[in-house]
Each structure stands twice: as C-alpha cells, then as structure tokens.
C-alpha cells in the first residue's frame, strides 16, 4: 500500500523528527510505501532538502499529480508531538481496511 504525503509538510510548524518517526513507523510497522507528493518543478528541491536533513531514509519516491498512484493520502497541515499519535492511529486504521 502507498501512503502519499504532501512534500510541503516539511515546512514549519512541522517538527522534522516527528516526520521521520511517522515515515519509519508507516514503513516498518505497516509496510507502506511512503511517497511524497510535490509539483514537478519542486521535486529536486524537496529531494535535496529531505536528503540533507536525514528525512529521506524511509521515503520511497517523490511523485507529482500526474504520477499519483492509488493510496491513502495523508491530509494534514503539520506533524508535531501533539498530533503524531493521532496520525499514526489513522494510518493503523488505513492498514486494516
């Protein structure tokens, strides 16, 4: 299964450690393919930023709207210590569907 994450989620107020934690849990515990969704012209920029900050370890690919595959789309504005458990719970529910 695919988990599609908007690439812009890395922007504040997201805490990058929580983004890394989310992608590691979805990859290791639920066996998701983590895909970043970005505009074509932004793909390289996001790739370099994510790679440089150690956030690409559990990301499988960066896709654009035209490449969008089926999967569960993460519709959130940010990730932090207060909402990470709720996000993981929703991923868990997706996994069992």
PDB file of N, CA and C in Angstrom:
ATOM      1  N   UNK A   1       0.835  -1.179   0.000  1.00  0.00           N
ATOM      2  CA  UNK A   1       0.000   0.000   0.000  1.00  0.00           C
ATOM      3  C   UNK A   1       0.882   1.245   0.000  1.00  0.00           C
ATOM      4  N   UNK A   2       0.326   2.297  -0.498  1.00  0.00           N
ATOM      5  CA  UNK A   2       1.039   3.563  -0.561  1.00  0.00           C
ATOM      6  C   UNK A   2       0.474   4.547   0.449  1.00  0.00           C
ATOM      7  N   UNK A   3       1.365   5.262   1.091  1.00  0.00           N
ATOM      8  CA  UNK A   3       0.986   6.404   1.919  1.00  0.00           C
ATOM      9  C   UNK A   3       1.527   7.630   1.207  1.00  0.00           C
ATOM     10  N   UNK A   4       0.639   8.493   0.758  1.00  0.00           N
ATOM     11  CA  UNK A   4       1.039   9.679  -0.006  1.00  0.00           C
ATOM     12  C   UNK A   4       1.053  10.874   0.937  1.00  0.00           C
ATOM     13  N   UNK A   5       2.222  11.476   1.058  1.00  0.00           N
ATOM     14  CA  UNK A   5       2.450  12.577   1.992  1.00  0.00           C
ATOM     15  C   UNK A   5       2.767  13.828   1.185  1.00  0.00           C
ATOM     16  N   UNK A   6       2.067  14.926   1.424  1.00  0.00           N
ATOM     17  CA  UNK A   6       2.431  16.157   0.713  1.00  0.00           C
ATOM     18  C   UNK A   6       3.843  16.587   1.113  1.00  0.00           C
ATOM     19  N   UNK A   7       4.698  16.807   0.141  1.00  0.00           N
ATOM     20  CA  UNK A   7       6.099  17.151   0.416  1.00  0.00           C
ATOM     21  C   UNK A   7       6.227  18.435   1.214  1.00  0.00           C
ATOM     22  N   UNK A   8       5.281  19.326   1.057  1.00  0.00           N
ATOM     23  CA  UNK A   8       5.341  20.610   1.763  1.00  0.00           C
ATOM     24  C   UNK A   8       5.141  20.459   3.266  1.00  0.00           C
ATOM     25  N   UNK A   9       4.810  19.253   3.735  1.00  0.00           N
ATOM     26  CA  UNK A   9       4.602  19.018   5.163  1.00  0.00           C
ATOM     27  C   UNK A   9       5.869  19.322   5.962  1.00  0.00           C
ATOM     28  N   UNK A  10       7.006  19.329   5.304  1.00  0.00           N
ATOM     29  CA  UNK A  10       8.274  19.577   5.983  1.00  0.00           C
ATOM     30  C   UNK A  10       8.395  21.031   6.460  1.00  0.00           C
ATOM     31  N   UNK A  11       7.581  21.900   5.907  1.00  0.00           N
ATOM     32  CA  UNK A  11       7.646  23.316   6.269  1.00  0.00           C
ATOM     33  C   UNK A  11       7.071  23.537   7.663  1.00  0.00           C
ATOM     34  N   UNK A  12       7.542  24.566   8.367  1.00  0.00           N
ATOM     35  CA  UNK A  12       7.026  24.842   9.718  1.00  0.00           C
ATOM     36  C   UNK A  12       5.521  24.991   9.708  1.00  0.00           C
ATOM     37  N   UNK A  13       4.832  24.540  10.738  1.00  0.00           N
ATOM     38  CA  UNK A  13       5.320  24.168  12.069  1.00  0.00           C
ATOM     39  C   UNK A  13       5.652  22.693  12.237  1.00  0.00           C
ATOM     40  N   UNK A  14       5.788  21.920  11.177  1.00  0.00           N
ATOM     41  CA  UNK A  14       6.140  20.502  11.314  1.00  0.00           C
ATOM     42  C   UNK A  14       7.501  20.359  11.980  1.00  0.00           C
ATOM     43  N   UNK A  15       7.584  19.398  12.877  1.00  0.00           N
ATOM     44  CA  UNK A  15       8.852  19.058  13.512  1.00  0.00           C
ATOM     45  C   UNK A  15       9.450  17.899  12.726  1.00  0.00           C
ATOM     46  N   UNK A  16      10.625  18.099  12.166  1.00  0.00           N
ATOM     47  CA  UNK A  16      11.207  17.110  11.257  1.00  0.00           C
ATOM     48  C   UNK A  16      11.418  15.754  11.922  1.00  0.00           C
ATOM     49  N   UNK A  17      11.739  15.726  13.196  1.00  0.00           N
ATOM     50  CA  UNK A  17      11.905  14.453  13.881  1.00  0.00           C
ATOM     51  C   UNK A  17      10.601  13.660  13.890  1.00  0.00           C
ATOM     52  N   UNK A  18       9.485  14.345  14.022  1.00  0.00           N
ATOM     53  CA  UNK A  18       8.191  13.667  14.019  1.00  0.00           C
ATOM     54  C   UNK A  18       7.845  13.146  12.616  1.00  0.00           C
ATOM     55  N   UNK A  19       8.232  13.879  11.584  1.00  0.00           N
ATOM     56  CA  UNK A  19       8.036  13.408  10.219  1.00  0.00           C
ATOM     57  C   UNK A  19       8.852  12.142   9.979  1.00  0.00           C
ATOM     58  N   UNK A  20      10.078  12.137  10.433  1.00  0.00           N
ATOM     59  CA  UNK A  20      10.932  10.949  10.306  1.00  0.00           C
ATOM     60  C   UNK A  20      10.328   9.774  11.075  1.00  0.00           C
ATOM     61  N   UNK A  21       9.847  10.036  12.264  1.00  0.00           N
ATOM     62  CA  UNK A  21       9.221   8.990  13.073  1.00  0.00           C
ATOM     63  C   UNK A  21       7.985   8.416  12.357  1.00  0.00           C
ATOM     64  N   UNK A  22       7.151   9.291  11.835  1.00  0.00           N
ATOM     65  CA  UNK A  22       5.951   8.861  11.119  1.00  0.00           C
ATOM     66  C   UNK A  22       6.308   7.968   9.932  1.00  0.00           C
ATOM     67  N   UNK A  23       7.269   8.381   9.123  1.00  0.00           N
ATOM     68  CA  UNK A  23       7.619   7.588   7.949  1.00  0.00           C
ATOM     69  C   UNK A  23       8.274   6.266   8.339  1.00  0.00           C
ATOM     70  N   UNK A  24       9.023   6.258   9.431  1.00  0.00           N
ATOM     71  CA  UNK A  24       9.631   4.993   9.858  1.00  0.00           C
ATOM     72  C   UNK A  24       8.577   4.019  10.361  1.00  0.00           C
ATOM     73  N   UNK A  25       7.584   4.511  11.124  1.00  0.00           N
ATOM     74  CA  UNK A  25       6.515   3.640  11.612  1.00  0.00           C
ATOM     75  C   UNK A  25       5.681   3.111  10.454  1.00  0.00           C
ATOM     76  N   UNK A  26       5.322   3.982   9.533  1.00  0.00           N
ATOM     77  CA  UNK A  26       4.493   3.525   8.412  1.00  0.00           C
ATOM     78  C   UNK A  26       5.234   2.511   7.548  1.00  0.00           C
ATOM     79  N   UNK A  27       6.544   2.661   7.420  1.00  0.00           N
ATOM     80  CA  UNK A  27       7.351   1.740   6.613  1.00  0.00           C
ATOM     81  C   UNK A  27       7.581   0.421   7.347  1.00  0.00           C
ATOM     82  N   UNK A  28       8.055   0.497   8.584  1.00  0.00           N
ATOM     83  CA  UNK A  28       8.469  -0.711   9.298  1.00  0.00           C
ATOM     84  C   UNK A  28       7.312  -1.474   9.927  1.00  0.00           C
ATOM     85  N   UNK A  29       6.366  -0.766  10.504  1.00  0.00           N
ATOM     86  CA  UNK A  29       5.265  -1.444  11.201  1.00  0.00           C
ATOM     87  C   UNK A  29       4.122  -1.821  10.257  1.00  0.00           C
ATOM     88  N   UNK A  30       3.784  -0.914   9.328  1.00  0.00           N
ATOM     89  CA  UNK A  30       2.620  -1.138   8.468  1.00  0.00           C
ATOM     90  C   UNK A  30       2.973  -1.466   7.023  1.00  0.00           C
ATOM     91  N   UNK A  31       4.279  -1.482   6.704  1.00  0.00           N
ATOM     92  CA  UNK A  31       4.752  -1.869   5.382  1.00  0.00           C
ATOM     93  C   UNK A  31       4.206  -0.995   4.246  1.00  0.00           C
ATOM     94  N   UNK A  32       4.079   0.294   4.507  1.00  0.00           N
ATOM     95  CA  UNK A  32       3.653   1.241   3.481  1.00  0.00           C
ATOM     96  C   UNK A  32       4.828   1.643   2.605  1.00  0.00           C
ATOM     97  N   UNK A  33       4.543   1.988   1.364  1.00  0.00           N
ATOM     98  CA  UNK A  33       5.480   2.724   0.523  1.00  0.00           C
ATOM     99  C   UNK A  33       5.185   4.188   0.786  1.00  0.00           C
ATOM    100  N   UNK A  34       6.143   4.916   1.317  1.00  0.00           N
ATOM    101  CA  UNK A  34       5.958   6.339   1.602  1.00  0.00           C
ATOM    102  C   UNK A  34       6.317   7.146   0.365  1.00  0.00           C
ATOM    103  N   UNK A  35       5.342   7.849  -0.178  1.00  0.00           N
ATOM    104  CA  UNK A  35       5.530   8.648  -1.380  1.00  0.00           C
ATOM    105  C   UNK A  35       5.269  10.110  -1.056  1.00  0.00           C
ATOM    106  N   UNK A  36       6.189  10.972  -1.470  1.00  0.00           N
ATOM    107  CA  UNK A  36       5.989  12.410  -1.312  1.00  0.00           C
ATOM    108  C   UNK A  36       5.300  12.937  -2.559  1.00  0.00           C
ATOM    109  N   UNK A  37       4.331  13.799  -2.371  1.00  0.00           N
ATOM    110  CA  UNK A  37       3.606  14.413  -3.479  1.00  0.00           C
ATOM    111  C   UNK A  37       4.077  15.855  -3.614  1.00  0.00           C
ATOM    112  N   UNK A  38       4.647  16.185  -4.770  1.00  0.00           N
ATOM    113  CA  UNK A  38       5.183  17.528  -4.992  1.00  0.00           C
ATOM    114  C   UNK A  38       4.958  17.945  -6.433  1.00  0.00           C
ATOM    115  N   UNK A  39       4.960  19.228  -6.649  1.00  0.00           N
ATOM    116  CA  UNK A  39       4.902  19.760  -8.015  1.00  0.00           C
ATOM    117  C   UNK A  39       6.169  19.328  -8.749  1.00  0.00           C
ATOM    118  N   UNK A  40       6.049  19.109 -10.068  1.00  0.00           N
ATOM    119  CA  UNK A  40       7.205  18.671 -10.856  1.00  0.00           C
ATOM    120  C   UNK A  40       8.434  19.550 -10.649  1.00  0.00           C
ATOM    121  N   UNK A  41       8.232  20.853 -10.697  1.00  0.00           N
ATOM    122  CA  UNK A  41       9.372  21.770 -10.603  1.00  0.00           C
ATOM    123  C   UNK A  41       9.992  21.811  -9.207  1.00  0.00           C
ATOM    124  N   UNK A  42       9.320  21.233  -8.194  1.00  0.00           N
ATOM    125  CA  UNK A  42       9.824  21.237  -6.821  1.00  0.00           C
ATOM    126  C   UNK A  42      10.450  19.902  -6.404  1.00  0.00           C
ATOM    127  N   UNK A  43      10.347  18.898  -7.233  1.00  0.00           N
ATOM    128  CA  UNK A  43      10.799  17.558  -6.841  1.00  0.00           C
ATOM    129  C   UNK A  43      12.276  17.531  -6.451  1.00  0.00           C
ATOM    130  N   UNK A  44      13.139  18.126  -7.251  1.00  0.00           N
ATOM    131  CA  UNK A  44      14.573  18.131  -6.937  1.00  0.00           C
ATOM    132  C   UNK A  44      14.863  18.909  -5.658  1.00  0.00           C
ATOM    133  N   UNK A  45      14.184  20.012  -5.489  1.00  0.00           N
ATOM    134  CA  UNK A  45      14.393  20.832  -4.293  1.00  0.00           C
ATOM    135  C   UNK A  45      14.019  20.046  -3.041  1.00  0.00           C
ATOM    136  N   UNK A  46      12.852  19.410  -3.065  1.00  0.00           N
ATOM    137  CA  UNK A  46      12.445  18.605  -1.909  1.00  0.00           C
ATOM    138  C   UNK A  46      13.382  17.425  -1.699  1.00  0.00           C
ATOM    139  N   UNK A  47      13.785  16.781  -2.780  1.00  0.00           N
ATOM    140  CA  UNK A  47      14.702  15.650  -2.636  1.00  0.00           C
ATOM    141  C   UNK A  47      15.964  16.076  -1.904  1.00  0.00           C
ATOM    142  N   UNK A  48      16.596  17.137  -2.342  1.00  0.00           N
ATOM    143  CA  UNK A  48      17.848  17.588  -1.716  1.00  0.00           C
ATOM    144  C   UNK A  48      17.622  18.020  -0.271  1.00  0.00           C
ATOM    145  N   UNK A  49      16.530  18.703  -0.014  1.00  0.00           N
ATOM    146  CA  UNK A  49      16.247  19.141   1.356  1.00  0.00           C
ATOM    147  C   UNK A  49      16.030  17.932   2.270  1.00  0.00           C
ATOM    148  N   UNK A  50      15.177  17.011   1.846  1.00  0.00           N
ATOM    149  CA  UNK A  50      14.889  15.829   2.661  1.00  0.00           C
ATOM    150  C   UNK A  50      16.162  15.012   2.894  1.00  0.00           C
ATOM    151  N   UNK A  51      16.948  14.816   1.846  1.00  0.00           N
ATOM    152  CA  UNK A  51      18.179  14.038   1.936  1.00  0.00           C
ATOM    153  C   UNK A  51      19.174  14.713   2.874  1.00  0.00           C
ATOM    154  N   UNK A  52      19.338  15.999   2.738  1.00  0.00           N
ATOM    155  CA  UNK A  52      20.293  16.760   3.537  1.00  0.00           C
ATOM    156  C   UNK A  52      19.944  16.741   5.028  1.00  0.00           C
ATOM    157  N   UNK A  53      18.655  16.642   5.346  1.00  0.00           N
ATOM    158  CA  UNK A  53      18.205  16.681   6.734  1.00  0.00           C
ATOM    159  C   UNK A  53      17.864  15.298   7.299  1.00  0.00           C
ATOM    160  N   UNK A  54      18.241  14.236   6.593  1.00  0.00           N
ATOM    161  CA  UNK A  54      18.026  12.880   7.083  1.00  0.00           C
ATOM    162  C   UNK A  54      16.578  12.439   7.097  1.00  0.00           C
ATOM    163  N   UNK A  55      15.752  13.043   6.255  1.00  0.00           N
ATOM    164  CA  UNK A  55      14.328  12.732   6.234  1.00  0.00           C
ATOM    165  C   UNK A  55      13.940  11.781   5.102  1.00  0.00           C
ATOM    166  N   UNK A  56      14.891  11.419   4.257  1.00  0.00           N
ATOM    167  CA  UNK A  56      14.563  10.614   3.086  1.00  0.00           C
ATOM    168  C   UNK A  56      14.772   9.115   3.320  1.00  0.00           C
ATOM    169  N   UNK A  57      15.226   8.732   4.496  1.00  0.00           N
ATOM    170  CA  UNK A  57      15.551   7.331   4.756  1.00  0.00           C
ATOM    171  C   UNK A  57      14.370   6.390   4.576  1.00  0.00           C
ATOM    172  N   UNK A  58      13.176   6.830   4.914  1.00  0.00           N
ATOM    173  CA  UNK A  58      12.002   5.967   4.819  1.00  0.00           C
ATOM    174  C   UNK A  58      11.028   6.415   3.727  1.00  0.00           C
ATOM    175  N   UNK A  59      11.497   7.263   2.836  1.00  0.00           N
ATOM    176  CA  UNK A  59      10.702   7.741   1.698  1.00  0.00           C
ATOM    177  C   UNK A  59      11.098   6.908   0.483  1.00  0.00           C
ATOM    178  N   UNK A  60      10.104   6.405  -0.237  1.00  0.00           N
ATOM    179  CA  UNK A  60      10.392   5.568  -1.395  1.00  0.00           C
ATOM    180  C   UNK A  60      10.537   6.350  -2.694  1.00  0.00           C
ATOM    181  N   UNK A  61       9.765   7.442  -2.836  1.00  0.00           N
ATOM    182  CA  UNK A  61       9.832   8.190  -4.088  1.00  0.00           C
ATOM    183  C   UNK A  61       9.124   9.527  -3.909  1.00  0.00           C
ATOM    184  N   UNK A  62       9.405  10.422  -4.828  1.00  0.00           N
ATOM    185  CA  UNK A  62       8.687  11.694  -4.908  1.00  0.00           C
ATOM    186  C   UNK A  62       7.880  11.644  -6.199  1.00  0.00           C
ATOM    187  N   UNK A  63       6.591  11.847  -6.071  1.00  0.00           N
ATOM    188  CA  UNK A  63       5.705  11.774  -7.233  1.00  0.00           C
ATOM    189  C   UNK A  63       5.018  13.113  -7.446  1.00  0.00           C
ATOM    190  N   UNK A  64       4.502  13.296  -8.656  1.00  0.00           N
ATOM    191  CA  UNK A  64       3.730  14.505  -8.957  1.00  0.00           C
ATOM    192  C   UNK A  64       2.274  14.090  -9.123  1.00  0.00           C
ATOM    193  N   UNK A  65       1.416  15.060  -9.312  1.00  0.00           N
ATOM    194  CA  UNK A  65      -0.019  14.778  -9.506  1.00  0.00           C
ATOM    195  C   UNK A  65      -0.241  13.822 -10.670  1.00  0.00           C
ATOM    196  N   UNK A  66       0.513  14.017 -11.763  1.00  0.00           N
ATOM    197  CA  UNK A  66       0.311  13.156 -12.929  1.00  0.00           C
ATOM    198  C   UNK A  66       0.784  11.726 -12.671  1.00  0.00           C
ATOM    199  N   UNK A  67       1.721  11.564 -11.722  1.00  0.00           N
ATOM    200  CA  UNK A  67       2.227  10.233 -11.375  1.00  0.00           C
ATOM    201  C   UNK A  67       1.459   9.600 -10.225  1.00  0.00           C
ATOM    202  N   UNK A  68       0.523  10.353  -9.669  1.00  0.00           N
ATOM    203  CA  UNK A  68      -0.132   9.907  -8.444  1.00  0.00           C
ATOM    204  C   UNK A  68      -0.730   8.524  -8.612  1.00  0.00           C
ATOM    205  N   UNK A  69      -0.365   7.678  -7.692  1.00  0.00           N
ATOM    206  CA  UNK A  69      -0.839   6.303  -7.694  1.00  0.00           C
ATOM    207  C   UNK A  69      -1.948   6.178  -6.663  1.00  0.00           C
ATOM    208  N   UNK A  70      -2.553   5.016  -6.650  1.00  0.00           N
ATOM    209  CA  UNK A  70      -3.566   4.804  -5.620  1.00  0.00           C
ATOM    210  C   UNK A  70      -2.870   4.691  -4.272  1.00  0.00           C
ATOM    211  N   UNK A  71      -3.567   5.089  -3.265  1.00  0.00           N
ATOM    212  CA  UNK A  71      -3.013   5.010  -1.925  1.00  0.00           C
ATOM    213  C   UNK A  71      -3.780   5.902  -0.988  1.00  0.00           C
ATOM    214  N   UNK A  72      -3.407   5.843   0.245  1.00  0.00           N
ATOM    215  CA  UNK A  72      -4.032   6.679   1.254  1.00  0.00           C
ATOM    216  C   UNK A  72      -3.278   7.998   1.302  1.00  0.00           C
ATOM    217  N   UNK A  73      -4.012   9.075   1.150  1.00  0.00           N
ATOM    218  CA  UNK A  73      -3.395  10.396   1.141  1.00  0.00           C
ATOM    219  C   UNK A  73      -3.484  10.979   2.539  1.00  0.00           C
ATOM    220  N   UNK A  74      -2.341  11.375   3.054  1.00  0.00           N
ATOM    221  CA  UNK A  74      -2.276  11.976   4.371  1.00  0.00           C
ATOM    222  C   UNK A  74      -2.683  13.438   4.238  1.00  0.00           C
ATOM    223  N   UNK A  75      -3.831  13.781   4.806  1.00  0.00           N
ATOM    224  CA  UNK A  75      -4.348  15.146   4.682  1.00  0.00           C
ATOM    225  C   UNK A  75      -4.191  15.855   6.017  1.00  0.00           C
ATOM    226  N   UNK A  76      -2.994  16.350   6.245  1.00  0.00           N
ATOM    227  CA  UNK A  76      -2.692  17.079   7.479  1.00  0.00           C
ATOM    228  C   UNK A  76      -1.878  18.309   7.114  1.00  0.00           C
ATOM    229  N   UNK A  77      -1.868  19.276   8.014  1.00  0.00           N
ATOM    230  CA  UNK A  77      -1.131  20.504   7.764  1.00  0.00           C
ATOM    231  C   UNK A  77       0.259  20.507   8.370  1.00  0.00           C
ATOM    232  N   UNK A  78       0.448  19.729   9.439  1.00  0.00           N
ATOM    233  CA  UNK A  78       1.743  19.679  10.102  1.00  0.00           C
ATOM    234  C   UNK A  78       1.803  18.431  10.977  1.00  0.00           C
ATOM    235  N   UNK A  79       3.012  18.111  11.425  1.00  0.00           N
ATOM    236  CA  UNK A  79       3.223  16.992  12.334  1.00  0.00           C
ATOM    237  C   UNK A  79       4.045  17.517  13.507  1.00  0.00           C
ATOM    238  N   UNK A  80       3.570  17.265  14.710  1.00  0.00           N
ATOM    239  CA  UNK A  80       4.339  17.632  15.888  1.00  0.00           C
ATOM    240  C   UNK A  80       4.076  16.628  17.001  1.00  0.00           C
ATOM    241  N   UNK A  81       4.610  16.898  18.180  1.00  0.00           N
ATOM    242  CA  UNK A  81       4.481  15.978  19.313  1.00  0.00           C
ATOM    243  C   UNK A  81       3.031  15.796  19.744  1.00  0.00           C
ATOM    244  N   UNK A  82       2.197  16.797  19.539  1.00  0.00           N
ATOM    245  CA  UNK A  82       0.814  16.692  19.993  1.00  0.00           C
ATOM    246  C   UNK A  82      -0.078  15.874  19.062  1.00  0.00           C
ATOM    247  N   UNK A  83       0.213  15.828  17.786  1.00  0.00           N
ATOM    248  CA  UNK A  83      -0.694  15.115  16.884  1.00  0.00           C
ATOM    249  C   UNK A  83      -0.125  13.834  16.276  1.00  0.00           C
ATOM    250  N   UNK A  84       1.104  13.473  16.614  1.00  0.00           N
ATOM    251  CA  UNK A  84       1.726  12.312  15.985  1.00  0.00           C
ATOM    252  C   UNK A  84       0.976  11.015  16.289  1.00  0.00           C
ATOM    253  N   UNK A  85       0.518  10.832  17.503  1.00  0.00           N
ATOM    254  CA  UNK A  85      -0.190   9.590  17.854  1.00  0.00           C
ATOM    255  C   UNK A  85      -1.516   9.473  17.104  1.00  0.00           C
ATOM    256  N   UNK A  86      -2.230  10.584  16.943  1.00  0.00           N
ATOM    257  CA  UNK A  86      -3.486  10.566  16.179  1.00  0.00           C
ATOM    258  C   UNK A  86      -3.222  10.227  14.709  1.00  0.00           C
ATOM    259  N   UNK A  87      -2.141  10.741  14.167  1.00  0.00           N
ATOM    260  CA  UNK A  87      -1.797  10.456  12.774  1.00  0.00           C
ATOM    261  C   UNK A  87      -1.456   8.977  12.609  1.00  0.00           C
ATOM    262  N   UNK A  88      -0.667   8.443  13.519  1.00  0.00           N
ATOM    263  CA  UNK A  88      -0.303   7.026  13.449  1.00  0.00           C
ATOM    264  C   UNK A  88      -1.534   6.149  13.635  1.00  0.00           C
ATOM    265  N   UNK A  89      -2.452   6.563  14.488  1.00  0.00           N
ATOM    266  CA  UNK A  89      -3.701   5.807  14.661  1.00  0.00           C
ATOM    267  C   UNK A  89      -4.494   5.763  13.361  1.00  0.00           C
ATOM    268  N   UNK A  90      -4.538   6.877  12.644  1.00  0.00           N
ATOM    269  CA  UNK A  90      -5.275   6.887  11.382  1.00  0.00           C
ATOM    270  C   UNK A  90      -4.582   6.018  10.340  1.00  0.00           C
ATOM    271  N   UNK A  91      -3.259   5.969  10.363  1.00  0.00           N
ATOM    272  CA  UNK A  91      -2.528   5.080   9.451  1.00  0.00           C
ATOM    273  C   UNK A  91      -2.834   3.631   9.793  1.00  0.00           C
ATOM    274  N   UNK A  92      -2.925   3.345  11.065  1.00  0.00           N
ATOM    275  CA  UNK A  92      -3.262   1.995  11.511  1.00  0.00           C
ATOM    276  C   UNK A  92      -4.630   1.574  10.993  1.00  0.00           C
ATOM    277  N   UNK A  93      -5.585   2.492  11.031  1.00  0.00           N
ATOM    278  CA  UNK A  93      -6.937   2.204  10.521  1.00  0.00           C
ATOM    279  C   UNK A  93      -6.885   1.953   9.018  1.00  0.00           C
ATOM    280  N   UNK A  94      -6.116   2.778   8.266  1.00  0.00           N
ATOM    281  CA  UNK A  94      -5.950   2.566   6.825  1.00  0.00           C
ATOM    282  C   UNK A  94      -5.399   1.169   6.560  1.00  0.00           C
ATOM    283  N   UNK A  95      -4.456   0.756   7.379  1.00  0.00           N
ATOM    284  CA  UNK A  95      -3.777  -0.514   7.178  1.00  0.00           C
ATOM    285  C   UNK A  95      -4.754  -1.697   7.276  1.00  0.00           C
ATOM    286  N   UNK A  96      -5.749  -1.560   8.099  1.00  0.00           N
ATOM    287  CA  UNK A  96      -6.698  -2.655   8.313  1.00  0.00           C
ATOM    288  C   UNK A  96      -7.878  -2.636   7.351  1.00  0.00           C
ATOM    289  N   UNK A  97      -7.946  -1.638   6.495  1.00  0.00           N
ATOM    290  CA  UNK A  97      -9.063  -1.555   5.541  1.00  0.00           C
ATOM    291  C   UNK A  97      -8.787  -2.468   4.366  1.00  0.00           C
TER     292      UNK A  97
END
